Amino acid sequence: MKKLLSLVLAAALCAPAFAQKMGSTNSNAPMMKQTIEAGSAKMSLDYEAITWADGKTMSRIMDKEKGAGARKRISESAAQAPLGSFTTSVECKIGEQTLPAGDYKVFFTIDEELNWSINFQGKDKTFAQKLTLADAGHESKRLMLCLYATDKGAGVYVAFGSKSGDLQINAEKKSS
């Protein structure tokens, strides 16, 4: 029994951790906090700048055939281990999704066709918005989300691995 328990424990310790925030490479990942205020409107994006095994996992999960299991595990565990939070004092439109003012957990999912989505999980509903990612021309070993101001609200630059993209957040109206 002790030998079986030892083998099971050894296998568990050697298995890669595919949840977004898990793994020893992320034990000291920096927390990033960003806020934009314009008049009475306020948006905040806080997240953990994870590495996903110092960028090595990214290559594996983006292999369409060999990475299917890893993508599935990441997507299934993402909501339980969100990377951060997004708070908005105004209703806003993110891509095709309209988010009411409020607090949201933020996490990423990846489908079988290697498409990434950013998810905003509120109290009653999760809003998923596909990300359009392209080759960045550089390697980002840590997840990077940069919140910036625009004329209509805000934007978020997303980069990880060799991919990057931009997500527009348009303020719809002030909440009362």
N, C-alpha and C. Protein backbone atom coordinates (compact mmCIF):
# COMPACT_ATOMS: atom_id res chain seq x y z
N MET A 1 0.82 -1.19 0.00
CA MET A 1 0.00 0.00 0.00
C MET A 1 0.87 1.25 0.00
N LYS A 2 1.96 1.24 0.82
CA LYS A 2 2.85 2.39 0.86
C LYS A 2 3.51 2.62 -0.49
N LYS A 3 3.88 1.50 -1.16
CA LYS A 3 4.53 1.61 -2.45
C LYS A 3 3.58 2.22 -3.48
N LEU A 4 2.31 1.79 -3.48
CA LEU A 4 1.31 2.33 -4.39
C LEU A 4 1.09 3.81 -4.11
N LEU A 5 0.98 4.17 -2.85
CA LEU A 5 0.78 5.57 -2.47
C LEU A 5 1.97 6.41 -2.92
N SER A 6 3.19 5.89 -2.75
CA SER A 6 4.39 6.61 -3.18
C SER A 6 4.40 6.81 -4.68
N LEU A 7 4.01 5.78 -5.45
CA LEU A 7 3.96 5.91 -6.90
C LEU A 7 2.92 6.93 -7.34
N VAL A 8 1.75 6.91 -6.72
CA VAL A 8 0.71 7.87 -7.06
C VAL A 8 1.16 9.28 -6.75
N LEU A 9 1.78 9.48 -5.58
CA LEU A 9 2.28 10.79 -5.20
C LEU A 9 3.36 11.27 -6.16
N ALA A 10 4.28 10.39 -6.52
CA ALA A 10 5.35 10.75 -7.46
C ALA A 10 4.77 11.14 -8.82
N ALA A 11 3.78 10.39 -9.29
CA ALA A 11 3.16 10.72 -10.58
C ALA A 11 2.45 12.06 -10.51
N ALA A 12 1.79 12.34 -9.40
CA ALA A 12 1.08 13.62 -9.26
C ALA A 12 2.06 14.79 -9.25
N LEU A 13 3.20 14.61 -8.60
CA LEU A 13 4.19 15.68 -8.54
C LEU A 13 4.87 15.92 -9.88
N CYS A 14 4.97 14.89 -10.70
CA CYS A 14 5.62 15.03 -12.00
C CYS A 14 4.67 15.50 -13.09
N ALA A 15 3.38 15.37 -12.89
CA ALA A 15 2.41 15.78 -13.91
C ALA A 15 2.43 17.29 -14.06
N PRO A 16 2.40 17.79 -15.29
CA PRO A 16 2.40 19.24 -15.48
C PRO A 16 1.11 19.85 -14.99
N ALA A 17 1.20 21.04 -14.43
CA ALA A 17 0.02 21.77 -13.96
C ALA A 17 -0.44 22.69 -15.06
N PHE A 18 -1.60 22.42 -15.61
CA PHE A 18 -2.07 23.19 -16.74
C PHE A 18 -3.10 24.26 -16.38
N ALA A 19 -3.52 24.32 -15.14
CA ALA A 19 -4.43 25.40 -14.76
C ALA A 19 -3.69 26.72 -14.94
N GLN A 20 -4.41 27.77 -15.20
CA GLN A 20 -3.78 29.01 -15.58
C GLN A 20 -2.87 29.60 -14.51
N LYS A 21 -3.21 29.49 -13.25
CA LYS A 21 -2.40 30.09 -12.20
C LYS A 21 -1.53 29.08 -11.48
N MET A 22 -1.63 27.81 -11.80
CA MET A 22 -0.94 26.80 -11.02
C MET A 22 0.47 26.57 -11.55
N GLY A 23 1.27 25.86 -10.79
CA GLY A 23 2.60 25.48 -11.21
C GLY A 23 3.66 26.27 -10.46
N SER A 24 4.79 25.64 -10.24
CA SER A 24 5.86 26.28 -9.47
C SER A 24 6.43 27.50 -10.17
N THR A 25 6.38 27.55 -11.51
CA THR A 25 6.92 28.72 -12.21
C THR A 25 6.10 29.97 -11.94
N ASN A 26 4.89 29.80 -11.42
CA ASN A 26 4.04 30.97 -11.15
C ASN A 26 3.89 31.27 -9.66
N SER A 27 4.66 30.61 -8.82
CA SER A 27 4.50 30.82 -7.38
C SER A 27 4.79 32.26 -6.97
N ASN A 28 5.63 32.95 -7.69
CA ASN A 28 5.94 34.34 -7.39
C ASN A 28 5.62 35.26 -8.57
N ALA A 29 4.63 34.89 -9.37
CA ALA A 29 4.27 35.72 -10.53
C ALA A 29 3.82 37.10 -10.05
N PRO A 30 4.26 38.15 -10.72
CA PRO A 30 3.87 39.50 -10.31
C PRO A 30 2.38 39.76 -10.54
N MET A 31 1.80 40.51 -9.62
CA MET A 31 0.42 40.97 -9.77
C MET A 31 0.46 42.36 -10.39
N MET A 32 -0.32 42.54 -11.44
CA MET A 32 -0.39 43.82 -12.14
C MET A 32 -1.73 44.46 -11.83
N LYS A 33 -1.74 45.76 -11.56
CA LYS A 33 -2.97 46.49 -11.26
C LYS A 33 -2.98 47.74 -12.11
N GLN A 34 -4.05 47.89 -12.91
CA GLN A 34 -4.16 49.02 -13.81
C GLN A 34 -5.56 49.62 -13.71
N THR A 35 -5.66 50.95 -13.70
CA THR A 35 -6.95 51.61 -13.58
C THR A 35 -6.98 52.82 -14.50
N ILE A 36 -8.14 53.02 -15.13
CA ILE A 36 -8.40 54.22 -15.92
C ILE A 36 -9.61 54.90 -15.32
N GLU A 37 -9.50 56.22 -15.09
CA GLU A 37 -10.63 57.01 -14.61
C GLU A 37 -10.83 58.17 -15.56
N ALA A 38 -12.07 58.39 -15.95
CA ALA A 38 -12.44 59.54 -16.79
C ALA A 38 -13.78 60.06 -16.28
N GLY A 39 -13.75 61.20 -15.61
CA GLY A 39 -14.96 61.71 -14.98
C GLY A 39 -15.39 60.74 -13.89
N SER A 40 -16.65 60.34 -13.93
CA SER A 40 -17.14 59.38 -12.93
C SER A 40 -16.96 57.92 -13.38
N ALA A 41 -16.50 57.71 -14.60
CA ALA A 41 -16.29 56.35 -15.12
C ALA A 41 -14.92 55.82 -14.67
N LYS A 42 -14.91 54.54 -14.28
CA LYS A 42 -13.68 53.91 -13.83
C LYS A 42 -13.64 52.46 -14.30
N MET A 43 -12.50 52.04 -14.85
CA MET A 43 -12.26 50.65 -15.24
C MET A 43 -10.94 50.20 -14.63
N SER A 44 -10.93 49.00 -14.06
CA SER A 44 -9.72 48.45 -13.47
C SER A 44 -9.50 47.04 -13.99
N LEU A 45 -8.25 46.71 -14.27
CA LEU A 45 -7.87 45.38 -14.71
C LEU A 45 -6.69 44.95 -13.84
N ASP A 46 -6.90 43.91 -13.05
CA ASP A 46 -5.85 43.35 -12.20
C ASP A 46 -5.61 41.91 -12.67
N TYR A 47 -4.35 41.51 -12.78
CA TYR A 47 -4.08 40.14 -13.22
C TYR A 47 -2.73 39.66 -12.75
N GLU A 48 -2.56 38.36 -12.77
CA GLU A 48 -1.30 37.72 -12.43
C GLU A 48 -0.53 37.45 -13.72
N ALA A 49 0.69 37.96 -13.80
CA ALA A 49 1.53 37.82 -15.01
C ALA A 49 2.20 36.46 -15.01
N ILE A 50 1.42 35.43 -15.37
CA ILE A 50 1.90 34.04 -15.34
C ILE A 50 2.88 33.76 -16.46
N THR A 51 3.59 32.63 -16.35
CA THR A 51 4.54 32.24 -17.39
C THR A 51 4.13 30.98 -18.13
N TRP A 52 3.26 30.17 -17.59
CA TRP A 52 2.93 28.86 -18.16
C TRP A 52 4.22 28.12 -18.50
N ALA A 53 4.97 27.80 -17.47
CA ALA A 53 6.24 27.06 -17.56
C ALA A 53 7.27 27.83 -18.39
N ASP A 54 7.43 29.10 -18.05
CA ASP A 54 8.43 29.96 -18.69
C ASP A 54 8.25 30.02 -20.20
N GLY A 55 7.04 29.92 -20.67
CA GLY A 55 6.73 30.00 -22.09
C GLY A 55 6.78 28.68 -22.84
N LYS A 56 7.31 27.63 -22.22
CA LYS A 56 7.43 26.34 -22.90
C LYS A 56 6.07 25.69 -23.12
N THR A 57 5.16 25.87 -22.20
CA THR A 57 3.84 25.27 -22.33
C THR A 57 3.09 25.86 -23.52
N MET A 58 3.34 27.14 -23.80
CA MET A 58 2.65 27.80 -24.92
C MET A 58 2.92 27.06 -26.23
N SER A 59 4.15 26.67 -26.47
CA SER A 59 4.48 25.94 -27.70
C SER A 59 3.71 24.63 -27.77
N ARG A 60 3.61 23.94 -26.63
CA ARG A 60 2.90 22.65 -26.60
C ARG A 60 1.41 22.82 -26.86
N ILE A 61 0.78 23.79 -26.21
CA ILE A 61 -0.67 23.91 -26.37
C ILE A 61 -1.06 24.45 -27.74
N MET A 62 -0.14 25.12 -28.41
CA MET A 62 -0.46 25.64 -29.74
C MET A 62 -0.14 24.64 -30.85
N ASP A 63 0.32 23.44 -30.49
CA ASP A 63 0.48 22.36 -31.45
C ASP A 63 -0.90 21.72 -31.60
N LYS A 64 -1.51 21.86 -32.78
CA LYS A 64 -2.91 21.47 -32.96
C LYS A 64 -3.18 20.01 -32.57
N GLU A 65 -2.31 19.08 -32.94
CA GLU A 65 -2.55 17.67 -32.64
C GLU A 65 -2.07 17.29 -31.23
N LYS A 66 -0.84 17.61 -30.91
CA LYS A 66 -0.25 17.17 -29.65
C LYS A 66 -0.75 17.96 -28.44
N GLY A 67 -1.28 19.14 -28.65
CA GLY A 67 -1.69 19.98 -27.53
C GLY A 67 -3.16 19.91 -27.17
N ALA A 68 -3.92 19.03 -27.82
CA ALA A 68 -5.37 18.97 -27.58
C ALA A 68 -5.72 18.71 -26.11
N GLY A 69 -5.04 17.77 -25.50
CA GLY A 69 -5.32 17.45 -24.10
C GLY A 69 -5.00 18.62 -23.17
N ALA A 70 -3.89 19.28 -23.43
CA ALA A 70 -3.50 20.43 -22.60
C ALA A 70 -4.49 21.57 -22.75
N ARG A 71 -4.91 21.85 -23.98
CA ARG A 71 -5.90 22.92 -24.21
C ARG A 71 -7.20 22.60 -23.48
N LYS A 72 -7.62 21.36 -23.53
CA LYS A 72 -8.86 20.96 -22.87
C LYS A 72 -8.75 21.16 -21.36
N ARG A 73 -7.61 20.75 -20.77
CA ARG A 73 -7.42 20.91 -19.32
C ARG A 73 -7.38 22.40 -18.93
N ILE A 74 -6.71 23.20 -19.73
CA ILE A 74 -6.63 24.64 -19.45
C ILE A 74 -8.02 25.24 -19.48
N SER A 75 -8.77 24.97 -20.54
CA SER A 75 -10.10 25.55 -20.70
C SER A 75 -11.07 25.08 -19.62
N GLU A 76 -10.97 23.81 -19.22
CA GLU A 76 -11.88 23.28 -18.20
C GLU A 76 -11.57 23.81 -16.81
N SER A 77 -10.31 24.11 -16.53
CA SER A 77 -9.94 24.56 -15.18
C SER A 77 -9.86 26.08 -15.06
N ALA A 78 -9.98 26.79 -16.15
CA ALA A 78 -9.76 28.24 -16.16
C ALA A 78 -10.69 29.01 -15.23
N ALA A 79 -11.96 28.68 -15.22
CA ALA A 79 -12.92 29.41 -14.39
C ALA A 79 -12.65 29.21 -12.90
N GLN A 80 -12.08 28.07 -12.52
CA GLN A 80 -11.78 27.82 -11.11
C GLN A 80 -10.48 28.49 -10.67
N ALA A 81 -9.64 28.86 -11.61
CA ALA A 81 -8.36 29.51 -11.29
C ALA A 81 -8.18 30.74 -12.19
N PRO A 82 -9.08 31.75 -12.05
CA PRO A 82 -8.99 32.91 -12.94
C PRO A 82 -7.67 33.67 -12.74
N LEU A 83 -7.23 34.31 -13.80
CA LEU A 83 -5.97 35.05 -13.77
C LEU A 83 -6.11 36.42 -13.14
N GLY A 84 -7.31 36.95 -13.10
CA GLY A 84 -7.44 38.29 -12.58
C GLY A 84 -8.88 38.74 -12.50
N SER A 85 -9.04 40.07 -12.47
CA SER A 85 -10.37 40.64 -12.35
C SER A 85 -10.48 41.91 -13.19
N PHE A 86 -11.70 42.21 -13.58
CA PHE A 86 -12.01 43.42 -14.32
C PHE A 86 -13.21 44.06 -13.63
N THR A 87 -13.11 45.34 -13.33
CA THR A 87 -14.19 46.08 -12.69
C THR A 87 -14.49 47.30 -13.54
N THR A 88 -15.77 47.53 -13.80
CA THR A 88 -16.18 48.71 -14.54
C THR A 88 -17.36 49.37 -13.85
N SER A 89 -17.30 50.70 -13.76
CA SER A 89 -18.40 51.44 -13.14
C SER A 89 -19.46 51.81 -14.16
N VAL A 90 -19.19 51.53 -15.43
CA VAL A 90 -20.13 51.84 -16.51
C VAL A 90 -20.37 50.60 -17.36
N GLU A 91 -21.53 50.51 -17.96
CA GLU A 91 -21.78 49.44 -18.93
C GLU A 91 -20.83 49.65 -20.09
N CYS A 92 -20.27 48.57 -20.61
CA CYS A 92 -19.33 48.70 -21.72
C CYS A 92 -19.50 47.56 -22.70
N LYS A 93 -19.01 47.80 -23.90
CA LYS A 93 -19.08 46.80 -24.96
C LYS A 93 -17.65 46.34 -25.22
N ILE A 94 -17.44 45.03 -25.08
CA ILE A 94 -16.15 44.41 -25.35
C ILE A 94 -16.35 43.47 -26.52
N GLY A 95 -15.84 43.85 -27.68
CA GLY A 95 -16.12 43.08 -28.89
C GLY A 95 -17.60 43.08 -29.13
N GLU A 96 -18.21 41.92 -29.17
CA GLU A 96 -19.65 41.81 -29.39
C GLU A 96 -20.43 41.64 -28.08
N GLN A 97 -19.72 41.64 -26.95
CA GLN A 97 -20.36 41.42 -25.65
C GLN A 97 -20.63 42.74 -24.94
N THR A 98 -21.81 42.89 -24.37
CA THR A 98 -22.12 44.05 -23.54
C THR A 98 -22.04 43.62 -22.08
N LEU A 99 -21.14 44.24 -21.35
CA LEU A 99 -20.96 43.93 -19.93
C LEU A 99 -21.61 45.01 -19.09
N PRO A 100 -22.54 44.64 -18.22
CA PRO A 100 -23.08 45.62 -17.28
C PRO A 100 -21.98 46.08 -16.33
N ALA A 101 -22.16 47.26 -15.74
CA ALA A 101 -21.24 47.72 -14.72
C ALA A 101 -21.15 46.64 -13.64
N GLY A 102 -19.95 46.42 -13.12
CA GLY A 102 -19.80 45.41 -12.08
C GLY A 102 -18.41 44.83 -12.01
N ASP A 103 -18.29 43.74 -11.26
CA ASP A 103 -17.02 43.06 -11.03
C ASP A 103 -17.03 41.71 -11.74
N TYR A 104 -15.90 41.39 -12.39
CA TYR A 104 -15.79 40.15 -13.17
C TYR A 104 -14.45 39.46 -12.88
N LYS A 105 -14.46 38.14 -12.89
CA LYS A 105 -13.23 37.35 -12.89
C LYS A 105 -12.83 37.21 -14.35
N VAL A 106 -11.52 37.19 -14.62
CA VAL A 106 -11.00 37.12 -15.99
C VAL A 106 -10.19 35.84 -16.16
N PHE A 107 -10.48 35.10 -17.25
CA PHE A 107 -9.70 33.92 -17.58
C PHE A 107 -9.75 33.69 -19.08
N PHE A 108 -8.84 32.85 -19.58
CA PHE A 108 -8.74 32.55 -21.00
C PHE A 108 -9.12 31.11 -21.27
N THR A 109 -9.70 30.86 -22.45
CA THR A 109 -9.97 29.50 -22.92
C THR A 109 -9.45 29.39 -24.35
N ILE A 110 -9.18 28.15 -24.77
CA ILE A 110 -8.65 27.88 -26.11
C ILE A 110 -9.46 26.75 -26.70
N ASP A 111 -9.99 26.95 -27.93
CA ASP A 111 -10.79 25.89 -28.53
C ASP A 111 -9.93 24.96 -29.39
N GLU A 112 -10.56 23.96 -29.99
CA GLU A 112 -9.84 22.96 -30.79
C GLU A 112 -9.16 23.53 -32.03
N GLU A 113 -9.65 24.69 -32.49
CA GLU A 113 -9.07 25.32 -33.68
C GLU A 113 -8.00 26.35 -33.31
N LEU A 114 -7.55 26.32 -32.05
CA LEU A 114 -6.51 27.19 -31.51
C LEU A 114 -6.95 28.65 -31.37
N ASN A 115 -8.27 28.88 -31.31
CA ASN A 115 -8.80 30.22 -31.09
C ASN A 115 -8.86 30.49 -29.60
N TRP A 116 -8.40 31.66 -29.20
CA TRP A 116 -8.41 32.07 -27.80
C TRP A 116 -9.62 32.95 -27.53
N SER A 117 -10.19 32.82 -26.34
CA SER A 117 -11.26 33.71 -25.88
C SER A 117 -10.87 34.24 -24.52
N ILE A 118 -11.23 35.50 -24.28
CA ILE A 118 -11.10 36.07 -22.95
C ILE A 118 -12.50 36.02 -22.35
N ASN A 119 -12.59 35.58 -21.11
CA ASN A 119 -13.87 35.38 -20.45
C ASN A 119 -13.99 36.30 -19.25
N PHE A 120 -15.16 36.92 -19.11
CA PHE A 120 -15.47 37.79 -17.99
C PHE A 120 -16.61 37.13 -17.24
N GLN A 121 -16.30 36.59 -16.06
CA GLN A 121 -17.29 35.84 -15.29
C GLN A 121 -17.87 36.74 -14.20
N GLY A 122 -19.18 37.06 -14.37
CA GLY A 122 -19.88 37.84 -13.36
C GLY A 122 -20.59 36.93 -12.39
N LYS A 123 -21.45 37.51 -11.58
CA LYS A 123 -22.18 36.71 -10.58
C LYS A 123 -23.11 35.70 -11.23
N ASP A 124 -23.80 36.12 -12.32
CA ASP A 124 -24.82 35.27 -12.92
C ASP A 124 -24.49 34.78 -14.32
N LYS A 125 -23.46 35.34 -14.95
CA LYS A 125 -23.22 35.02 -16.35
C LYS A 125 -21.73 35.20 -16.69
N THR A 126 -21.26 34.39 -17.63
CA THR A 126 -19.91 34.54 -18.16
C THR A 126 -20.01 35.04 -19.59
N PHE A 127 -19.27 36.10 -19.88
CA PHE A 127 -19.23 36.69 -21.21
C PHE A 127 -17.91 36.27 -21.85
N ALA A 128 -17.99 35.59 -23.00
CA ALA A 128 -16.78 35.12 -23.70
C ALA A 128 -16.62 35.92 -24.98
N GLN A 129 -15.43 36.46 -25.19
CA GLN A 129 -15.13 37.22 -26.39
C GLN A 129 -13.89 36.64 -27.05
N LYS A 130 -14.04 36.22 -28.32
CA LYS A 130 -12.88 35.69 -29.05
C LYS A 130 -11.85 36.78 -29.23
N LEU A 131 -10.59 36.37 -29.13
CA LEU A 131 -9.47 37.28 -29.35
C LEU A 131 -8.91 37.04 -30.74
N THR A 132 -8.60 38.10 -31.43
CA THR A 132 -7.91 37.98 -32.71
C THR A 132 -6.43 38.17 -32.42
N LEU A 133 -5.68 37.08 -32.49
CA LEU A 133 -4.25 37.12 -32.20
C LEU A 133 -3.45 36.93 -33.48
N ALA A 134 -2.33 37.61 -33.54
CA ALA A 134 -1.44 37.51 -34.69
C ALA A 134 -0.02 37.36 -34.19
N ASP A 135 0.91 37.05 -35.08
CA ASP A 135 2.31 36.95 -34.69
C ASP A 135 2.77 38.31 -34.19
N ALA A 136 3.36 38.33 -33.02
CA ALA A 136 3.78 39.58 -32.38
C ALA A 136 5.12 40.09 -32.89
N GLY A 137 5.93 39.20 -33.43
CA GLY A 137 7.26 39.61 -33.85
C GLY A 137 8.25 39.61 -32.70
N HIS A 138 7.79 39.17 -31.53
CA HIS A 138 8.65 39.05 -30.36
C HIS A 138 8.06 37.98 -29.45
N GLU A 139 8.84 37.54 -28.48
CA GLU A 139 8.39 36.49 -27.55
C GLU A 139 8.08 37.12 -26.20
N SER A 140 6.89 36.88 -25.69
CA SER A 140 6.50 37.33 -24.35
C SER A 140 6.38 36.08 -23.48
N LYS A 141 7.31 35.89 -22.57
CA LYS A 141 7.28 34.69 -21.73
C LYS A 141 6.27 34.81 -20.61
N ARG A 142 5.86 36.02 -20.26
CA ARG A 142 4.81 36.24 -19.27
C ARG A 142 3.58 36.82 -19.97
N LEU A 143 2.43 36.47 -19.46
CA LEU A 143 1.20 37.06 -19.94
C LEU A 143 1.27 38.57 -19.72
N MET A 144 0.89 39.33 -20.74
CA MET A 144 0.88 40.78 -20.63
C MET A 144 -0.49 41.29 -21.06
N LEU A 145 -1.14 42.02 -20.17
CA LEU A 145 -2.40 42.70 -20.45
C LEU A 145 -2.17 44.17 -20.12
N CYS A 146 -2.23 45.03 -21.12
CA CYS A 146 -2.00 46.45 -20.89
C CYS A 146 -3.30 47.21 -21.13
N LEU A 147 -3.85 47.77 -20.08
CA LEU A 147 -5.07 48.57 -20.15
C LEU A 147 -4.67 49.99 -20.53
N TYR A 148 -5.32 50.55 -21.56
CA TYR A 148 -5.00 51.91 -21.99
C TYR A 148 -6.28 52.67 -22.35
N ALA A 149 -6.21 53.99 -22.28
CA ALA A 149 -7.37 54.84 -22.56
C ALA A 149 -7.52 55.07 -24.06
N THR A 150 -8.79 55.15 -24.52
CA THR A 150 -9.11 55.52 -25.89
C THR A 150 -10.18 56.61 -25.84
N ASP A 151 -10.54 57.17 -26.98
CA ASP A 151 -11.58 58.20 -27.03
C ASP A 151 -12.94 57.66 -26.63
N LYS A 152 -13.18 56.37 -26.85
CA LYS A 152 -14.49 55.77 -26.58
C LYS A 152 -14.53 54.94 -25.31
N GLY A 153 -13.43 54.81 -24.62
CA GLY A 153 -13.40 53.98 -23.42
C GLY A 153 -12.00 53.54 -23.11
N ALA A 154 -11.69 52.29 -23.47
CA ALA A 154 -10.38 51.73 -23.17
C ALA A 154 -10.03 50.65 -24.18
N GLY A 155 -8.84 50.15 -24.05
CA GLY A 155 -8.39 49.02 -24.85
C GLY A 155 -7.49 48.16 -23.99
N VAL A 156 -7.33 46.92 -24.40
CA VAL A 156 -6.42 46.02 -23.70
C VAL A 156 -5.53 45.36 -24.76
N TYR A 157 -4.24 45.54 -24.61
CA TYR A 157 -3.26 44.85 -25.45
C TYR A 157 -2.95 43.54 -24.74
N VAL A 158 -3.06 42.43 -25.47
CA VAL A 158 -2.84 41.09 -24.92
C VAL A 158 -1.64 40.47 -25.63
N ALA A 159 -0.67 39.96 -24.87
CA ALA A 159 0.46 39.28 -25.49
C ALA A 159 0.88 38.10 -24.62
N PHE A 160 1.17 36.98 -25.30
CA PHE A 160 1.72 35.80 -24.62
C PHE A 160 2.36 34.92 -25.68
N GLY A 161 3.53 34.41 -25.37
CA GLY A 161 4.23 33.61 -26.36
C GLY A 161 4.58 34.50 -27.54
N SER A 162 4.36 34.01 -28.74
CA SER A 162 4.67 34.80 -29.94
C SER A 162 3.42 35.47 -30.51
N LYS A 163 2.32 35.45 -29.78
CA LYS A 163 1.06 36.01 -30.26
C LYS A 163 0.67 37.27 -29.47
N SER A 164 -0.02 38.18 -30.15
CA SER A 164 -0.55 39.36 -29.47
C SER A 164 -1.81 39.82 -30.19
N GLY A 165 -2.57 40.64 -29.51
CA GLY A 165 -3.79 41.17 -30.09
C GLY A 165 -4.28 42.35 -29.27
N ASP A 166 -5.35 42.94 -29.73
CA ASP A 166 -5.89 44.13 -29.11
C ASP A 166 -7.39 43.96 -28.94
N LEU A 167 -7.91 44.38 -27.82
CA LEU A 167 -9.33 44.26 -27.51
C LEU A 167 -9.85 45.63 -27.14
N GLN A 168 -10.86 46.12 -27.82
CA GLN A 168 -11.44 47.43 -27.55
C GLN A 168 -12.58 47.31 -26.53
N ILE A 169 -12.63 48.25 -25.59
CA ILE A 169 -13.68 48.32 -24.59
C ILE A 169 -14.33 49.68 -24.73
N ASN A 170 -15.56 49.70 -25.22
CA ASN A 170 -16.26 50.96 -25.43
C ASN A 170 -17.30 51.19 -24.35
N ALA A 171 -17.20 52.35 -23.68
CA ALA A 171 -18.18 52.70 -22.66
C ALA A 171 -19.52 52.96 -23.35
N GLU A 172 -20.57 52.28 -22.92
CA GLU A 172 -21.89 52.42 -23.53
C GLU A 172 -22.69 53.55 -22.89
N LYS A 173 -22.74 53.53 -21.57
CA LYS A 173 -23.46 54.58 -20.84
C LYS A 173 -23.08 54.50 -19.38
N LYS A 174 -23.28 55.58 -18.68
CA LYS A 174 -22.97 55.59 -17.25
C LYS A 174 -24.01 54.82 -16.49
N SER A 175 -23.54 54.07 -15.48
CA SER A 175 -24.51 53.38 -14.62
C SER A 175 -25.04 54.36 -13.60
N SER A 176 -26.25 54.13 -13.14
CA SER A 176 -26.85 55.08 -12.19
C SER A 176 -26.62 54.68 -10.77
